[in-house]
Amino acid sequence: MSLEAAEPEERSGALFIALGPDEVLVAGSGPLQSGFLRNAGGPTVGILSIEEGTYAGGRWVPGRRLNGTRTAAAPNLRLGGDSSRNGLIQRIKLYRYR
């Protein structure tokens, strides 16, 4: 039996806001599943780009942009880095195909 403290469980959570038919704002932290990409009976949905950023004075201020192979891991999105507990905001642009 070990009396050492166990690693705290990583918590995750996110708020999704639809900005339009093909754009979503996601704010949160930790790993999450991208179930919002499922479109039952309709076209398949993929991630075109992910832009990390913040809002200042009511305006979006873009930061790092991810696209191409960096968005290929969409089912395993991570909000914030491994050591970040503050989370971040991402604008995700989607595309549809059959």
C-alpha atoms as a PDB file:
ATOM      1  CA  MET A   1       0.000   0.000   0.000  1.00  0.00           C
ATOM      2  CA  SER A   2       1.332   3.426  -0.948  1.00  0.00           C
ATOM      3  CA  LEU A   3       0.740   6.477   1.201  1.00  0.00           C
ATOM      4  CA  GLU A   4       1.952   8.891  -1.467  1.00  0.00           C
ATOM      5  CA  ALA A   5      -0.528  11.461  -2.731  1.00  0.00           C
ATOM      6  CA  ALA A   6      -2.099  10.490  -6.011  1.00  0.00           C
ATOM      7  CA  GLU A   7      -1.876  12.817  -8.997  1.00  0.00           C
ATOM      8  CA  PRO A   8      -4.953  15.045  -9.117  1.00  0.00           C
ATOM      9  CA  GLU A   9      -7.334  14.163 -11.925  1.00  0.00           C
ATOM     10  CA  GLU A  10      -7.159  16.476 -14.893  1.00  0.00           C
ATOM     11  CA  ARG A  11     -10.380  18.395 -15.208  1.00  0.00           C
ATOM     12  CA  SER A  12     -11.728  19.683 -18.442  1.00  0.00           C
ATOM     13  CA  GLY A  13     -14.661  21.741 -19.539  1.00  0.00           C
ATOM     14  CA  ALA A  14     -15.698  23.900 -22.441  1.00  0.00           C
ATOM     15  CA  LEU A  15     -18.315  26.352 -23.619  1.00  0.00           C
ATOM     16  CA  PHE A  16     -19.268  26.157 -27.310  1.00  0.00           C
ATOM     17  CA  ILE A  17     -20.822  29.168 -29.044  1.00  0.00           C
ATOM     18  CA  ALA A  18     -21.932  28.974 -32.690  1.00  0.00           C
ATOM     19  CA  LEU A  19     -20.745  32.111 -34.479  1.00  0.00           C
ATOM     20  CA  GLY A  20     -22.238  30.976 -37.789  1.00  0.00           C
ATOM     21  CA  PRO A  21     -23.044  27.807 -39.718  1.00  0.00           C
ATOM     22  CA  ASP A  22     -19.348  26.920 -40.113  1.00  0.00           C
ATOM     23  CA  GLU A  23     -17.652  28.684 -37.193  1.00  0.00           C
ATOM     24  CA  VAL A  24     -17.572  27.845 -33.486  1.00  0.00           C
ATOM     25  CA  LEU A  25     -16.020  29.660 -30.529  1.00  0.00           C
ATOM     26  CA  VAL A  26     -14.734  27.281 -27.840  1.00  0.00           C
ATOM     27  CA  ALA A  27     -13.573  28.487 -24.426  1.00  0.00           C
ATOM     28  CA  GLY A  28     -12.288  26.103 -21.791  1.00  0.00           C
ATOM     29  CA  SER A  29      -9.421  23.951 -20.622  1.00  0.00           C
ATOM     30  CA  GLY A  30      -8.192  20.389 -20.762  1.00  0.00           C
ATOM     31  CA  PRO A  31      -8.755  17.564 -23.225  1.00  0.00           C
ATOM     32  CA  LEU A  32     -12.152  17.177 -24.844  1.00  0.00           C
ATOM     33  CA  GLN A  33     -13.850  15.076 -27.465  1.00  0.00           C
ATOM     34  CA  SER A  34     -15.044  16.904 -30.544  1.00  0.00           C
ATOM     35  CA  GLY A  35     -18.549  15.413 -30.628  1.00  0.00           C
ATOM     36  CA  PHE A  36     -19.777  18.728 -31.993  1.00  0.00           C
ATOM     37  CA  LEU A  37     -18.377  17.584 -35.363  1.00  0.00           C
ATOM     38  CA  ARG A  38     -20.940  14.810 -35.690  1.00  0.00           C
ATOM     39  CA  ASN A  39     -23.698  15.583 -38.166  1.00  0.00           C
ATOM     40  CA  ALA A  40     -26.214  12.702 -38.173  1.00  0.00           C
ATOM     41  CA  GLY A  41     -27.502  12.045 -41.663  1.00  0.00           C
ATOM     42  CA  GLY A  42     -25.822  15.102 -43.156  1.00  0.00           C
ATOM     43  CA  PRO A  43     -22.444  15.800 -44.702  1.00  0.00           C
ATOM     44  CA  THR A  44     -19.276  14.962 -42.793  1.00  0.00           C
ATOM     45  CA  VAL A  45     -17.799  17.922 -40.922  1.00  0.00           C
ATOM     46  CA  GLY A  46     -14.064  18.590 -40.573  1.00  0.00           C
ATOM     47  CA  ILE A  47     -11.905  21.295 -39.044  1.00  0.00           C
ATOM     48  CA  LEU A  48     -10.530  23.786 -41.568  1.00  0.00           C
ATOM     49  CA  SER A  49      -8.580  25.891 -39.057  1.00  0.00           C
ATOM     50  CA  ILE A  50      -8.217  26.612 -35.364  1.00  0.00           C
ATOM     51  CA  GLU A  51      -7.216  30.081 -34.229  1.00  0.00           C
ATOM     52  CA  GLU A  52      -6.238  30.677 -30.610  1.00  0.00           C
ATOM     53  CA  GLY A  53      -6.783  34.179 -29.305  1.00  0.00           C
ATOM     54  CA  THR A  54      -8.449  36.523 -26.860  1.00  0.00           C
ATOM     55  CA  TYR A  55     -11.025  39.280 -26.813  1.00  0.00           C
ATOM     56  CA  ALA A  56      -9.904  42.832 -26.011  1.00  0.00           C
ATOM     57  CA  GLY A  57     -12.268  45.770 -26.117  1.00  0.00           C
ATOM     58  CA  GLY A  58     -14.973  43.543 -27.575  1.00  0.00           C
ATOM     59  CA  ARG A  59     -12.824  42.562 -30.568  1.00  0.00           C
ATOM     60  CA  TRP A  60     -11.198  39.247 -31.420  1.00  0.00           C
ATOM     61  CA  VAL A  61      -7.391  39.380 -31.190  1.00  0.00           C
ATOM     62  CA  PRO A  62      -5.952  36.363 -33.038  1.00  0.00           C
ATOM     63  CA  GLY A  63      -2.926  34.481 -31.786  1.00  0.00           C
ATOM     64  CA  ARG A  64      -1.541  31.149 -32.957  1.00  0.00           C
ATOM     65  CA  ARG A  65      -3.245  29.574 -35.998  1.00  0.00           C
ATOM     66  CA  LEU A  66      -3.447  25.837 -36.557  1.00  0.00           C
ATOM     67  CA  ASN A  67      -4.446  24.249 -39.870  1.00  0.00           C
ATOM     68  CA  GLY A  68      -3.562  21.329 -42.099  1.00  0.00           C
ATOM     69  CA  THR A  69      -1.995  18.420 -40.231  1.00  0.00           C
ATOM     70  CA  ARG A  70      -2.250  20.289 -36.928  1.00  0.00           C
ATOM     71  CA  THR A  71      -6.041  19.989 -37.074  1.00  0.00           C
ATOM     72  CA  ALA A  72      -5.979  16.312 -38.094  1.00  0.00           C
ATOM     73  CA  ALA A  73      -6.205  15.274 -34.419  1.00  0.00           C
ATOM     74  CA  ALA A  74      -9.618  16.926 -34.083  1.00  0.00           C
ATOM     75  CA  PRO A  75     -11.235  14.086 -32.088  1.00  0.00           C
ATOM     76  CA  ASN A  76      -8.679  14.813 -29.356  1.00  0.00           C
ATOM     77  CA  LEU A  77      -8.689  18.597 -29.063  1.00  0.00           C
ATOM     78  CA  ARG A  78      -6.856  20.122 -26.116  1.00  0.00           C
ATOM     79  CA  LEU A  79      -7.677  23.554 -24.785  1.00  0.00           C
ATOM     80  CA  GLY A  80      -4.588  24.970 -23.105  1.00  0.00           C
ATOM     81  CA  GLY A  81      -1.223  23.306 -22.749  1.00  0.00           C
ATOM     82  CA  ASP A  82      -0.441  20.352 -20.539  1.00  0.00           C
ATOM     83  CA  SER A  83       0.658  22.662 -17.743  1.00  0.00           C
ATOM     84  CA  SER A  84      -2.047  25.298 -18.297  1.00  0.00           C
ATOM     85  CA  ARG A  85      -4.946  25.365 -15.894  1.00  0.00           C
ATOM     86  CA  ASN A  86      -6.242  28.712 -17.188  1.00  0.00           C
ATOM     87  CA  GLY A  87      -7.570  27.396 -20.492  1.00  0.00           C
ATOM     88  CA  LEU A  88      -7.924  29.441 -23.644  1.00  0.00           C
ATOM     89  CA  ILE A  89     -10.289  30.546 -26.389  1.00  0.00           C
ATOM     90  CA  GLN A  90     -10.287  29.052 -29.887  1.00  0.00           C
ATOM     91  CA  ARG A  91     -12.218  30.024 -33.023  1.00  0.00           C
ATOM     92  CA  ILE A  92     -12.766  26.899 -35.081  1.00  0.00           C
ATOM     93  CA  LYS A  93     -13.709  27.106 -38.759  1.00  0.00           C
ATOM     94  CA  LEU A  94     -15.395  24.032 -40.206  1.00  0.00           C
ATOM     95  CA  TYR A  95     -15.900  22.559 -43.670  1.00  0.00           C
ATOM     96  CA  ARG A  96     -18.406  19.989 -44.918  1.00  0.00           C
ATOM     97  CA  TYR A  97     -18.025  17.175 -47.425  1.00  0.00           C
ATOM     98  CA  ARG A  98     -19.807  13.995 -48.535  1.00  0.00           C
END
